[in-house]
Amino acid sequence: MIGYATIGSNDLERAKAFYDKVLVPLGGKRSMGGERMQGYGNGGQVMMMVCRPYDEQDAKPGNGNMLALFSPTRDAVDATYKAAIENGGADEGPPGLRGDTFYGAYFRDLDGNKICIFNMG
């Protein structure tokens, strides 16, 4: 049902450099983009977009907002989380089981956006 999700950035070039490294374990790579935004995908129909806000105001993460990215394996959850932290992301919860089948990790990107990487099963 979701086609794409957008998160804001105040420094698009810095955000692109961050996500170019962080999304590798998930098979994520640059897809469509432009002056204000950059999309990332893994060949499927769903995409994550990083953009400078259209109204030219500062990008601000919302309280309670979070983008959750599916991972095909627990190892990819671990690798994505590690890449995020090594590239300046902030820890919001290390990889681990939460419940019986939800394996996830949480971090904030360089603009403060909260991201979850998860695997079910």
PDB file of N, CA and C in Angstrom:
ATOM      1  N   MET A   1       0.799  -1.190   0.000  1.00  0.00           N
ATOM      2  CA  MET A   1       0.000   0.000   0.000  1.00  0.00           C
ATOM      3  C   MET A   1       0.849   1.264   0.000  1.00  0.00           C
ATOM      4  N   ILE A   2       1.966   1.284   0.690  1.00  0.00           N
ATOM      5  CA  ILE A   2       2.818   2.474   0.718  1.00  0.00           C
ATOM      6  C   ILE A   2       3.653   2.520  -0.555  1.00  0.00           C
ATOM      7  N   GLY A   3       3.660   3.668  -1.206  1.00  0.00           N
ATOM      8  CA  GLY A   3       4.480   3.860  -2.394  1.00  0.00           C
ATOM      9  C   GLY A   3       5.840   4.438  -2.053  1.00  0.00           C
ATOM     10  N   TYR A   4       5.826   5.467  -1.200  1.00  0.00           N
ATOM     11  CA  TYR A   4       7.076   6.025  -0.708  1.00  0.00           C
ATOM     12  C   TYR A   4       6.805   6.799   0.577  1.00  0.00           C
ATOM     13  N   ALA A   5       7.853   7.013   1.339  1.00  0.00           N
ATOM     14  CA  ALA A   5       7.806   7.823   2.550  1.00  0.00           C
ATOM     15  C   ALA A   5       8.912   8.861   2.436  1.00  0.00           C
ATOM     16  N   THR A   6       8.653  10.058   2.948  1.00  0.00           N
ATOM     17  CA  THR A   6       9.599  11.161   2.841  1.00  0.00           C
ATOM     18  C   THR A   6      10.044  11.615   4.224  1.00  0.00           C
ATOM     19  N   ILE A   7      11.345  11.832   4.367  1.00  0.00           N
ATOM     20  CA  ILE A   7      11.898  12.446   5.572  1.00  0.00           C
ATOM     21  C   ILE A   7      12.655  13.697   5.137  1.00  0.00           C
ATOM     22  N   GLY A   8      12.707  14.676   6.025  1.00  0.00           N
ATOM     23  CA  GLY A   8      13.334  15.943   5.689  1.00  0.00           C
ATOM     24  C   GLY A   8      14.794  16.000   6.061  1.00  0.00           C
ATOM     25  N   SER A   9      15.504  16.876   5.366  1.00  0.00           N
ATOM     26  CA  SER A   9      16.911  17.127   5.663  1.00  0.00           C
ATOM     27  C   SER A   9      17.205  18.605   5.443  1.00  0.00           C
ATOM     28  N   ASN A  10      18.074  19.139   6.289  1.00  0.00           N
ATOM     29  CA  ASN A  10      18.545  20.508   6.124  1.00  0.00           C
ATOM     30  C   ASN A  10      19.838  20.572   5.321  1.00  0.00           C
ATOM     31  N   ASP A  11      20.453  19.425   5.077  1.00  0.00           N
ATOM     32  CA  ASP A  11      21.688  19.336   4.298  1.00  0.00           C
ATOM     33  C   ASP A  11      21.584  18.088   3.436  1.00  0.00           C
ATOM     34  N   LEU A  12      21.019  18.236   2.259  1.00  0.00           N
ATOM     35  CA  LEU A  12      20.732  17.092   1.402  1.00  0.00           C
ATOM     36  C   LEU A  12      21.996  16.336   1.001  1.00  0.00           C
ATOM     37  N   GLU A  13      23.066  17.030   0.715  1.00  0.00           N
ATOM     38  CA  GLU A  13      24.307  16.337   0.318  1.00  0.00           C
ATOM     39  C   GLU A  13      24.832  15.473   1.469  1.00  0.00           C
ATOM     40  N   ARG A  14      24.780  15.988   2.680  1.00  0.00           N
ATOM     41  CA  ARG A  14      25.217  15.221   3.849  1.00  0.00           C
ATOM     42  C   ARG A  14      24.292  14.028   4.063  1.00  0.00           C
ATOM     43  N   ALA A  15      22.987  14.237   3.905  1.00  0.00           N
ATOM     44  CA  ALA A  15      22.021  13.142   4.064  1.00  0.00           C
ATOM     45  C   ALA A  15      22.249  12.051   3.021  1.00  0.00           C
ATOM     46  N   LYS A  16      22.516  12.449   1.779  1.00  0.00           N
ATOM     47  CA  LYS A  16      22.769  11.464   0.729  1.00  0.00           C
ATOM     48  C   LYS A  16      24.026  10.645   1.045  1.00  0.00           C
ATOM     49  N   ALA A  17      25.079  11.300   1.500  1.00  0.00           N
ATOM     50  CA  ALA A  17      26.309  10.586   1.850  1.00  0.00           C
ATOM     51  C   ALA A  17      26.042   9.579   2.974  1.00  0.00           C
ATOM     52  N   PHE A  18      25.211   9.969   3.957  1.00  0.00           N
ATOM     53  CA  PHE A  18      24.845   9.086   5.073  1.00  0.00           C
ATOM     54  C   PHE A  18      24.066   7.881   4.568  1.00  0.00           C
ATOM     55  N   TYR A  19      22.986   8.108   3.831  1.00  0.00           N
ATOM     56  CA  TYR A  19      22.134   7.002   3.384  1.00  0.00           C
ATOM     57  C   TYR A  19      22.784   6.161   2.289  1.00  0.00           C
ATOM     58  N   ASP A  20      23.711   6.723   1.520  1.00  0.00           N
ATOM     59  CA  ASP A  20      24.460   5.919   0.544  1.00  0.00           C
ATOM     60  C   ASP A  20      25.186   4.774   1.245  1.00  0.00           C
ATOM     61  N   LYS A  21      25.654   5.007   2.462  1.00  0.00           N
ATOM     62  CA  LYS A  21      26.373   3.980   3.232  1.00  0.00           C
ATOM     63  C   LYS A  21      25.432   3.134   4.078  1.00  0.00           C
ATOM     64  N   VAL A  22      24.481   3.780   4.730  1.00  0.00           N
ATOM     65  CA  VAL A  22      23.622   3.101   5.707  1.00  0.00           C
ATOM     66  C   VAL A  22      22.680   2.085   5.057  1.00  0.00           C
ATOM     67  N   LEU A  23      22.182   2.359   3.877  1.00  0.00           N
ATOM     68  CA  LEU A  23      21.181   1.489   3.266  1.00  0.00           C
ATOM     69  C   LEU A  23      21.763   0.320   2.468  1.00  0.00           C
ATOM     70  N   VAL A  24      23.084   0.238   2.354  1.00  0.00           N
ATOM     71  CA  VAL A  24      23.728  -0.855   1.607  1.00  0.00           C
ATOM     72  C   VAL A  24      23.300  -2.238   2.106  1.00  0.00           C
ATOM     73  N   PRO A  25      23.286  -2.509   3.423  1.00  0.00           N
ATOM     74  CA  PRO A  25      22.898  -3.854   3.864  1.00  0.00           C
ATOM     75  C   PRO A  25      21.465  -4.250   3.495  1.00  0.00           C
ATOM     76  N   LEU A  26      20.627  -3.260   3.213  1.00  0.00           N
ATOM     77  CA  LEU A  26      19.240  -3.537   2.822  1.00  0.00           C
ATOM     78  C   LEU A  26      19.077  -3.600   1.303  1.00  0.00           C
ATOM     79  N   GLY A  27      20.175  -3.447   0.571  1.00  0.00           N
ATOM     80  CA  GLY A  27      20.105  -3.403  -0.889  1.00  0.00           C
ATOM     81  C   GLY A  27      19.643  -2.061  -1.405  1.00  0.00           C
ATOM     82  N   GLY A  28      19.597  -1.061  -0.522  1.00  0.00           N
ATOM     83  CA  GLY A  28      19.121   0.263  -0.899  1.00  0.00           C
ATOM     84  C   GLY A  28      20.159   1.040  -1.678  1.00  0.00           C
ATOM     85  N   LYS A  29      19.706   1.668  -2.741  1.00  0.00           N
ATOM     86  CA  LYS A  29      20.589   2.516  -3.541  1.00  0.00           C
ATOM     87  C   LYS A  29      19.764   3.663  -4.119  1.00  0.00           C
ATOM     88  N   ARG A  30      20.474   4.660  -4.588  1.00  0.00           N
ATOM     89  CA  ARG A  30      19.793   5.827  -5.157  1.00  0.00           C
ATOM     90  C   ARG A  30      18.900   5.418  -6.314  1.00  0.00           C
ATOM     91  N   SER A  31      17.724   6.018  -6.338  1.00  0.00           N
ATOM     92  CA  SER A  31      16.815   5.840  -7.459  1.00  0.00           C
ATOM     93  C   SER A  31      16.491   7.235  -7.979  1.00  0.00           C
ATOM     94  N   MET A  32      15.249   7.565  -8.196  1.00  0.00           N
ATOM     95  CA  MET A  32      14.935   8.894  -8.726  1.00  0.00           C
ATOM     96  C   MET A  32      15.335   9.995  -7.753  1.00  0.00           C
ATOM     97  N   GLY A  33      15.645  11.154  -8.290  1.00  0.00           N
ATOM     98  CA  GLY A  33      16.050  12.275  -7.456  1.00  0.00           C
ATOM     99  C   GLY A  33      16.049  13.571  -8.246  1.00  0.00           C
ATOM    100  N   GLY A  34      16.386  14.634  -7.554  1.00  0.00           N
ATOM    101  CA  GLY A  34      16.429  15.949  -8.184  1.00  0.00           C
ATOM    102  C   GLY A  34      17.168  16.918  -7.293  1.00  0.00           C
ATOM    103  N   GLU A  35      16.971  18.206  -7.529  1.00  0.00           N
ATOM    104  CA  GLU A  35      17.661  19.234  -6.745  1.00  0.00           C
ATOM    105  C   GLU A  35      17.271  19.214  -5.277  1.00  0.00           C
ATOM    106  N   ARG A  36      15.993  18.950  -4.979  1.00  0.00           N
ATOM    107  CA  ARG A  36      15.484  19.008  -3.609  1.00  0.00           C
ATOM    108  C   ARG A  36      15.404  17.659  -2.923  1.00  0.00           C
ATOM    109  N   MET A  37      15.488  16.557  -3.676  1.00  0.00           N
ATOM    110  CA  MET A  37      15.259  15.264  -3.035  1.00  0.00           C
ATOM    111  C   MET A  37      16.056  14.150  -3.681  1.00  0.00           C
ATOM    112  N   GLN A  38      16.196  13.085  -2.892  1.00  0.00           N
ATOM    113  CA  GLN A  38      16.849  11.877  -3.378  1.00  0.00           C
ATOM    114  C   GLN A  38      16.055  10.681  -2.899  1.00  0.00           C
ATOM    115  N   GLY A  39      15.689   9.816  -3.828  1.00  0.00           N
ATOM    116  CA  GLY A  39      14.988   8.590  -3.491  1.00  0.00           C
ATOM    117  C   GLY A  39      15.952   7.433  -3.344  1.00  0.00           C
ATOM    118  N   TYR A  40      15.576   6.483  -2.507  1.00  0.00           N
ATOM    119  CA  TYR A  40      16.338   5.246  -2.323  1.00  0.00           C
ATOM    120  C   TYR A  40      15.374   4.083  -2.422  1.00  0.00           C
ATOM    121  N   GLY A  41      15.803   3.022  -3.071  1.00  0.00           N
ATOM    122  CA  GLY A  41      14.989   1.825  -3.188  1.00  0.00           C
ATOM    123  C   GLY A  41      15.877   0.608  -3.354  1.00  0.00           C
ATOM    124  N   ASN A  42      15.234  -0.553  -3.414  1.00  0.00           N
ATOM    125  CA  ASN A  42      15.981  -1.790  -3.624  1.00  0.00           C
ATOM    126  C   ASN A  42      15.395  -2.603  -4.776  1.00  0.00           C
ATOM    127  N   GLY A  43      14.801  -1.912  -5.727  1.00  0.00           N
ATOM    128  CA  GLY A  43      14.243  -2.568  -6.889  1.00  0.00           C
ATOM    129  C   GLY A  43      12.765  -2.888  -6.766  1.00  0.00           C
ATOM    130  N   GLY A  44      12.191  -2.687  -5.584  1.00  0.00           N
ATOM    131  CA  GLY A  44      10.765  -2.917  -5.387  1.00  0.00           C
ATOM    132  C   GLY A  44       9.967  -1.674  -5.716  1.00  0.00           C
ATOM    133  N   GLN A  45       8.730  -1.674  -5.327  1.00  0.00           N
ATOM    134  CA  GLN A  45       7.851  -0.549  -5.625  1.00  0.00           C
ATOM    135  C   GLN A  45       7.873   0.528  -4.540  1.00  0.00           C
ATOM    136  N   VAL A  46       8.405   0.229  -3.370  1.00  0.00           N
ATOM    137  CA  VAL A  46       8.409   1.175  -2.261  1.00  0.00           C
ATOM    138  C   VAL A  46       9.744   1.903  -2.225  1.00  0.00           C
ATOM    139  N   MET A  47       9.688   3.199  -1.941  1.00  0.00           N
ATOM    140  CA  MET A  47      10.875   4.016  -1.924  1.00  0.00           C
ATOM    141  C   MET A  47      10.895   4.909  -0.690  1.00  0.00           C
ATOM    142  N   MET A  48      12.091   5.247  -0.232  1.00  0.00           N
ATOM    143  CA  MET A  48      12.289   6.233   0.814  1.00  0.00           C
ATOM    144  C   MET A  48      12.871   7.467   0.142  1.00  0.00           C
ATOM    145  N   MET A  49      12.308   8.634   0.437  1.00  0.00           N
ATOM    146  CA  MET A  49      12.795   9.889  -0.125  1.00  0.00           C
ATOM    147  C   MET A  49      13.379  10.747   0.997  1.00  0.00           C
ATOM    148  N   VAL A  50      14.503  11.380   0.733  1.00  0.00           N
ATOM    149  CA  VAL A  50      15.095  12.379   1.621  1.00  0.00           C
ATOM    150  C   VAL A  50      15.009  13.699   0.874  1.00  0.00           C
ATOM    151  N   CYS A  51      14.456  14.727   1.529  1.00  0.00           N
ATOM    152  CA  CYS A  51      14.280  15.979   0.786  1.00  0.00           C
ATOM    153  C   CYS A  51      14.448  17.215   1.659  1.00  0.00           C
ATOM    154  N   ARG A  52      14.778  18.303   0.984  1.00  0.00           N
ATOM    155  CA  ARG A  52      14.699  19.618   1.601  1.00  0.00           C
ATOM    156  C   ARG A  52      13.227  20.013   1.529  1.00  0.00           C
ATOM    157  N   PRO A  53      12.662  20.547   2.602  1.00  0.00           N
ATOM    158  CA  PRO A  53      11.244  20.907   2.578  1.00  0.00           C
ATOM    159  C   PRO A  53      10.905  21.883   1.459  1.00  0.00           C
ATOM    160  N   TYR A  54       9.767  21.642   0.842  1.00  0.00           N
ATOM    161  CA  TYR A  54       9.300  22.460  -0.273  1.00  0.00           C
ATOM    162  C   TYR A  54       9.061  23.913   0.152  1.00  0.00           C
ATOM    163  N   ASP A  55       8.615  24.123   1.395  1.00  0.00           N
ATOM    164  CA  ASP A  55       8.335  25.492   1.857  1.00  0.00           C
ATOM    165  C   ASP A  55       9.603  26.248   2.260  1.00  0.00           C
ATOM    166  N   GLU A  56      10.755  25.613   2.107  1.00  0.00           N
ATOM    167  CA  GLU A  56      12.060  26.203   2.388  1.00  0.00           C
ATOM    168  C   GLU A  56      12.271  26.545   3.859  1.00  0.00           C
ATOM    169  N   GLN A  57      11.429  26.025   4.735  1.00  0.00           N
ATOM    170  CA  GLN A  57      11.630  26.169   6.175  1.00  0.00           C
ATOM    171  C   GLN A  57      12.542  25.035   6.633  1.00  0.00           C
ATOM    172  N   ASP A  58      13.019  25.114   7.887  1.00  0.00           N
ATOM    173  CA  ASP A  58      13.873  24.058   8.417  1.00  0.00           C
ATOM    174  C   ASP A  58      13.130  22.731   8.496  1.00  0.00           C
ATOM    175  N   ALA A  59      13.823  21.653   8.139  1.00  0.00           N
ATOM    176  CA  ALA A  59      13.292  20.307   8.341  1.00  0.00           C
ATOM    177  C   ALA A  59      13.407  19.986   9.824  1.00  0.00           C
ATOM    178  N   LYS A  60      12.337  19.450  10.406  1.00  0.00           N
ATOM    179  CA  LYS A  60      12.323  19.103  11.824  1.00  0.00           C
ATOM    180  C   LYS A  60      11.665  17.739  11.982  1.00  0.00           C
ATOM    181  N   PRO A  61      12.300  16.826  12.711  1.00  0.00           N
ATOM    182  CA  PRO A  61      11.647  15.538  12.945  1.00  0.00           C
ATOM    183  C   PRO A  61      10.443  15.722  13.860  1.00  0.00           C
ATOM    184  N   GLY A  62       9.408  14.954  13.628  1.00  0.00           N
ATOM    185  CA  GLY A  62       8.207  15.045  14.446  1.00  0.00           C
ATOM    186  C   GLY A  62       8.290  14.180  15.680  1.00  0.00           C
ATOM    187  N   ASN A  63       7.565  14.548  16.703  1.00  0.00           N
ATOM    188  CA  ASN A  63       7.486  13.763  17.926  1.00  0.00           C
ATOM    189  C   ASN A  63       6.504  12.620  17.700  1.00  0.00           C
ATOM    190  N   GLY A  64       6.990  11.396  17.701  1.00  0.00           N
ATOM    191  CA  GLY A  64       6.162  10.235  17.442  1.00  0.00           C
ATOM    192  C   GLY A  64       6.259   9.740  16.011  1.00  0.00           C
ATOM    193  N   ASN A  65       6.889  10.512  15.133  1.00  0.00           N
ATOM    194  CA  ASN A  65       7.075  10.067  13.748  1.00  0.00           C
ATOM    195  C   ASN A  65       8.293   9.154  13.665  1.00  0.00           C
ATOM    196  N   MET A  66       8.170   8.114  12.855  1.00  0.00           N
ATOM    197  CA  MET A  66       9.283   7.204  12.647  1.00  0.00           C
ATOM    198  C   MET A  66       9.086   6.515  11.305  1.00  0.00           C
ATOM    199  N   LEU A  67      10.163   6.313  10.600  1.00  0.00           N
ATOM    200  CA  LEU A  67      10.144   5.549   9.365  1.00  0.00           C
ATOM    201  C   LEU A  67      10.692   4.165   9.686  1.00  0.00           C
ATOM    202  N   ALA A  68       9.967   3.123   9.330  1.00  0.00           N
ATOM    203  CA  ALA A  68      10.402   1.749   9.571  1.00  0.00           C
ATOM    204  C   ALA A  68      10.727   1.095   8.236  1.00  0.00           C
ATOM    205  N   LEU A  69      11.938   0.568   8.122  1.00  0.00           N
ATOM    206  CA  LEU A  69      12.399  -0.076   6.896  1.00  0.00           C
ATOM    207  C   LEU A  69      12.523  -1.577   7.117  1.00  0.00           C
ATOM    208  N   PHE A  70      11.898  -2.361   6.248  1.00  0.00           N
ATOM    209  CA  PHE A  70      11.950  -3.810   6.343  1.00  0.00           C
ATOM    210  C   PHE A  70      13.331  -4.320   5.945  1.00  0.00           C
ATOM    211  N   SER A  71      13.808  -5.298   6.690  1.00  0.00           N
ATOM    212  CA  SER A  71      15.072  -5.956   6.390  1.00  0.00           C
ATOM    213  C   SER A  71      14.804  -7.429   6.095  1.00  0.00           C
ATOM    214  N   PRO A  72      15.450  -7.986   5.089  1.00  0.00           N
ATOM    215  CA  PRO A  72      15.219  -9.398   4.769  1.00  0.00           C
ATOM    216  C   PRO A  72      15.803 -10.361   5.805  1.00  0.00           C
ATOM    217  N   THR A  73      16.792  -9.894   6.590  1.00  0.00           N
ATOM    218  CA  THR A  73      17.429 -10.772   7.584  1.00  0.00           C
ATOM    219  C   THR A  73      17.778  -9.987   8.841  1.00  0.00           C
ATOM    220  N   ARG A  74      17.989 -10.726   9.923  1.00  0.00           N
ATOM    221  CA  ARG A  74      18.456 -10.090  11.158  1.00  0.00           C
ATOM    222  C   ARG A  74      19.874  -9.562  10.991  1.00  0.00           C
ATOM    223  N   ASP A  75      20.701 -10.290  10.237  1.00  0.00           N
ATOM    224  CA  ASP A  75      22.066  -9.811   9.996  1.00  0.00           C
ATOM    225  C   ASP A  75      22.068  -8.454   9.305  1.00  0.00           C
ATOM    226  N   ALA A  76      21.134  -8.239   8.380  1.00  0.00           N
ATOM    227  CA  ALA A  76      21.044  -6.952   7.690  1.00  0.00           C
ATOM    228  C   ALA A  76      20.562  -5.858   8.642  1.00  0.00           C
ATOM    229  N   VAL A  77      19.700  -6.211   9.604  1.00  0.00           N
ATOM    230  CA  VAL A  77      19.313  -5.243  10.645  1.00  0.00           C
ATOM    231  C   VAL A  77      20.561  -4.801  11.393  1.00  0.00           C
ATOM    232  N   ASP A  78      21.360  -5.779  11.841  1.00  0.00           N
ATOM    233  CA  ASP A  78      22.581  -5.474  12.591  1.00  0.00           C
ATOM    234  C   ASP A  78      23.540  -4.610  11.777  1.00  0.00           C
ATOM    235  N   ALA A  79      23.739  -4.966  10.503  1.00  0.00           N
ATOM    236  CA  ALA A  79      24.691  -4.247   9.652  1.00  0.00           C
ATOM    237  C   ALA A  79      24.217  -2.829   9.354  1.00  0.00           C
ATOM    238  N   THR A  80      22.921  -2.654   9.151  1.00  0.00           N
ATOM    239  CA  THR A  80      22.377  -1.325   8.874  1.00  0.00           C
ATOM    240  C   THR A  80      22.514  -0.422  10.095  1.00  0.00           C
ATOM    241  N   TYR A  81      22.158  -0.952  11.253  1.00  0.00           N
ATOM    242  CA  TYR A  81      22.294  -0.203  12.505  1.00  0.00           C
ATOM    243  C   TYR A  81      23.756   0.199  12.730  1.00  0.00           C
ATOM    244  N   LYS A  82      24.664  -0.758  12.540  1.00  0.00           N
ATOM    245  CA  LYS A  82      26.091  -0.495  12.733  1.00  0.00           C
ATOM    246  C   LYS A  82      26.562   0.610  11.778  1.00  0.00           C
ATOM    247  N   ALA A  83      26.155   0.533  10.514  1.00  0.00           N
ATOM    248  CA  ALA A  83      26.546   1.553   9.541  1.00  0.00           C
ATOM    249  C   ALA A  83      26.007   2.923   9.935  1.00  0.00           C
ATOM    250  N   ALA A  84      24.779   2.961  10.451  1.00  0.00           N
ATOM    251  CA  ALA A  84      24.196   4.237  10.878  1.00  0.00           C
ATOM    252  C   ALA A  84      25.006   4.857  12.009  1.00  0.00           C
ATOM    253  N   ILE A  85      25.331   4.067  13.009  1.00  0.00           N
ATOM    254  CA  ILE A  85      26.078   4.575  14.164  1.00  0.00           C
ATOM    255  C   ILE A  85      27.491   4.992  13.753  1.00  0.00           C
ATOM    256  N   GLU A  86      28.133   4.173  12.923  1.00  0.00           N
ATOM    257  CA  GLU A  86      29.498   4.484  12.482  1.00  0.00           C
ATOM    258  C   GLU A  86      29.562   5.739  11.615  1.00  0.00           C
ATOM    259  N   ASN A  87      28.441   6.119  11.013  1.00  0.00           N
ATOM    260  CA  ASN A  87      28.421   7.286  10.132  1.00  0.00           C
ATOM    261  C   ASN A  87      27.738   8.495  10.764  1.00  0.00           C
ATOM    262  N   GLY A  88      27.661   8.504  12.092  1.00  0.00           N
ATOM    263  CA  GLY A  88      27.185   9.687  12.802  1.00  0.00           C
ATOM    264  C   GLY A  88      25.758   9.634  13.292  1.00  0.00           C
ATOM    265  N   GLY A  89      25.037   8.539  13.031  1.00  0.00           N
ATOM    266  CA  GLY A  89      23.681   8.394  13.549  1.00  0.00           C
ATOM    267  C   GLY A  89      23.697   8.216  15.061  1.00  0.00           C
ATOM    268  N   ALA A  90      22.574   8.499  15.705  1.00  0.00           N
ATOM    269  CA  ALA A  90      22.465   8.377  17.164  1.00  0.00           C
ATOM    270  C   ALA A  90      21.644   7.147  17.527  1.00  0.00           C
ATOM    271  N   ASP A  91      22.098   6.424  18.527  1.00  0.00           N
ATOM    272  CA  ASP A  91      21.422   5.222  19.000  1.00  0.00           C
ATOM    273  C   ASP A  91      20.069   5.548  19.608  1.00  0.00           C
ATOM    274  N   GLU A  92      19.045   4.821  19.203  1.00  0.00           N
ATOM    275  CA  GLU A  92      17.708   4.915  19.799  1.00  0.00           C
ATOM    276  C   GLU A  92      17.226   3.548  20.258  1.00  0.00           C
ATOM    277  N   GLY A  93      18.090   2.553  20.189  1.00  0.00           N
ATOM    278  CA  GLY A  93      17.755   1.195  20.610  1.00  0.00           C
ATOM    279  C   GLY A  93      18.516   0.191  19.775  1.00  0.00           C
ATOM    280  N   PRO A  94      19.451  -0.547  20.383  1.00  0.00           N
ATOM    281  CA  PRO A  94      20.281  -1.486  19.629  1.00  0.00           C
ATOM    282  C   PRO A  94      19.470  -2.673  19.098  1.00  0.00           C
ATOM    283  N   PRO A  95      20.043  -3.404  18.149  1.00  0.00           N
ATOM    284  CA  PRO A  95      19.350  -4.564  17.590  1.00  0.00           C
ATOM    285  C   PRO A  95      18.989  -5.580  18.664  1.00  0.00           C
ATOM    286  N   GLY A  96      17.795  -6.148  18.525  1.00  0.00           N
ATOM    287  CA  GLY A  96      17.369  -7.191  19.445  1.00  0.00           C
ATOM    288  C   GLY A  96      15.910  -7.547  19.227  1.00  0.00           C
ATOM    289  N   LEU A  97      15.511  -8.629  19.881  1.00  0.00           N
ATOM    290  CA  LEU A  97      14.119  -9.060  19.814  1.00  0.00           C
ATOM    291  C   LEU A  97      13.245  -8.150  20.661  1.00  0.00           C
ATOM    292  N   ARG A  98      12.125  -7.817  20.131  1.00  0.00           N
ATOM    293  CA  ARG A  98      11.079  -7.081  20.841  1.00  0.00           C
ATOM    294  C   ARG A  98       9.807  -7.876  20.612  1.00  0.00           C
ATOM    295  N   GLY A  99       9.478  -8.701  21.567  1.00  0.00           N
ATOM    296  CA  GLY A  99       8.395  -9.660  21.381  1.00  0.00           C
ATOM    297  C   GLY A  99       8.958 -10.964  20.844  1.00  0.00           C
ATOM    298  N   ASP A 100       8.092 -11.807  20.372  1.00  0.00           N
ATOM    299  CA  ASP A 100       8.513 -13.134  19.919  1.00  0.00           C
ATOM    300  C   ASP A 100       9.124 -13.138  18.520  1.00  0.00           C
ATOM    301  N   THR A 101       8.687 -12.270  17.630  1.00  0.00           N
ATOM    302  CA  THR A 101       9.120 -12.354  16.236  1.00  0.00           C
ATOM    303  C   THR A 101       9.657 -11.054  15.649  1.00  0.00           C
ATOM    304  N   PHE A 102       9.535  -9.950  16.369  1.00  0.00           N
ATOM    305  CA  PHE A 102       9.982  -8.655  15.841  1.00  0.00           C
ATOM    306  C   PHE A 102      11.415  -8.416  16.269  1.00  0.00           C
ATOM    307  N   TYR A 103      12.340  -8.394  15.311  1.00  0.00           N
ATOM    308  CA  TYR A 103      13.747  -8.106  15.565  1.00  0.00           C
ATOM    309  C   TYR A 103      14.027  -6.737  14.956  1.00  0.00           C
ATOM    310  N   GLY A 104      14.414  -5.783  15.787  1.00  0.00           N
ATOM    311  CA  GLY A 104      14.581  -4.440  15.270  1.00  0.00           C
ATOM    312  C   GLY A 104      15.696  -3.665  15.927  1.00  0.00           C
ATOM    313  N   ALA A 105      16.037  -2.554  15.302  1.00  0.00           N
ATOM    314  CA  ALA A 105      17.017  -1.607  15.816  1.00  0.00           C
ATOM    315  C   ALA A 105      16.535  -0.214  15.442  1.00  0.00           C
ATOM    316  N   TYR A 106      16.924   0.777  16.237  1.00  0.00           N
ATOM    317  CA  TYR A 106      16.451   2.147  16.057  1.00  0.00           C
ATOM    318  C   TYR A 106      17.627   3.116  16.113  1.00  0.00           C
ATOM    319  N   PHE A 107      17.589   4.109  15.222  1.00  0.00           N
ATOM    320  CA  PHE A 107      18.600   5.166  15.257  1.00  0.00           C
ATOM    321  C   PHE A 107      17.981   6.459  14.752  1.00  0.00           C
ATOM    322  N   ARG A 108      18.671   7.563  15.012  1.00  0.00           N
ATOM    323  CA  ARG A 108      18.309   8.858  14.431  1.00  0.00           C
ATOM    324  C   ARG A 108      19.381   9.214  13.417  1.00  0.00           C
ATOM    325  N   ASP A 109      18.931   9.711  12.278  1.00  0.00           N
ATOM    326  CA  ASP A 109      19.883  10.113  11.248  1.00  0.00           C
ATOM    327  C   ASP A 109      20.489  11.468  11.598  1.00  0.00           C
ATOM    328  N   LEU A 110      21.253  12.038  10.693  1.00  0.00           N
ATOM    329  CA  LEU A 110      21.977  13.287  10.959  1.00  0.00           C
ATOM    330  C   LEU A 110      21.061  14.491  11.126  1.00  0.00           C
ATOM    331  N   ASP A 111      19.804  14.381  10.676  1.00  0.00           N
ATOM    332  CA  ASP A 111      18.827  15.453  10.849  1.00  0.00           C
ATOM    333  C   ASP A 111      17.871  15.176  12.004  1.00  0.00           C
ATOM    334  N   GLY A 112      18.078  14.081  12.730  1.00  0.00           N
ATOM    335  CA  GLY A 112      17.231  13.752  13.866  1.00  0.00           C
ATOM    336  C   GLY A 112      16.016  12.890  13.550  1.00  0.00           C
ATOM    337  N   ASN A 113      15.855  12.462  12.301  1.00  0.00           N
ATOM    338  CA  ASN A 113      14.750  11.591  11.945  1.00  0.00           C
ATOM    339  C   ASN A 113      14.950  10.209  12.575  1.00  0.00           C
ATOM    340  N   LYS A 114      13.889   9.680  13.187  1.00  0.00           N
ATOM    341  CA  LYS A 114      13.966   8.366  13.814  1.00  0.00           C
ATOM    342  C   LYS A 114      13.668   7.293  12.773  1.00  0.00           C
ATOM    343  N   ILE A 115      14.582   6.314  12.694  1.00  0.00           N
ATOM    344  CA  ILE A 115      14.468   5.224  11.723  1.00  0.00           C
ATOM    345  C   ILE A 115      14.506   3.891  12.472  1.00  0.00           C
ATOM    346  N   CYS A 116      13.628   2.986  12.079  1.00  0.00           N
ATOM    347  CA  CYS A 116      13.637   1.616  12.587  1.00  0.00           C
ATOM    348  C   CYS A 116      14.006   0.698  11.430  1.00  0.00           C
ATOM    349  N   ILE A 117      14.856  -0.270  11.700  1.00  0.00           N
ATOM    350  CA  ILE A 117      15.146  -1.346  10.754  1.00  0.00           C
ATOM    351  C   ILE A 117      14.637  -2.610  11.410  1.00  0.00           C
ATOM    352  N   PHE A 118      13.804  -3.391  10.703  1.00  0.00           N
ATOM    353  CA  PHE A 118      13.207  -4.557  11.364  1.00  0.00           C
ATOM    354  C   PHE A 118      13.092  -5.758  10.445  1.00  0.00           C
ATOM    355  N   ASN A 119      13.023  -6.910  11.101  1.00  0.00           N
ATOM    356  CA  ASN A 119      12.775  -8.183  10.432  1.00  0.00           C
ATOM    357  C   ASN A 119      11.746  -8.926  11.259  1.00  0.00           C
ATOM    358  N   MET A 120      10.771  -9.499  10.592  1.00  0.00           N
ATOM    359  CA  MET A 120       9.723 -10.283  11.285  1.00  0.00           C
ATOM    360  C   MET A 120       9.935 -11.758  10.978  1.00  0.00           C
ATOM    361  N   GLY A 121       9.791 -12.572  12.014  1.00  0.00           N
ATOM    362  CA  GLY A 121       9.860 -14.013  11.787  1.00  0.00           C
ATOM    363  C   GLY A 121      11.018 -14.663  12.479  1.00  0.00           C
TER     364      GLY A 121
END
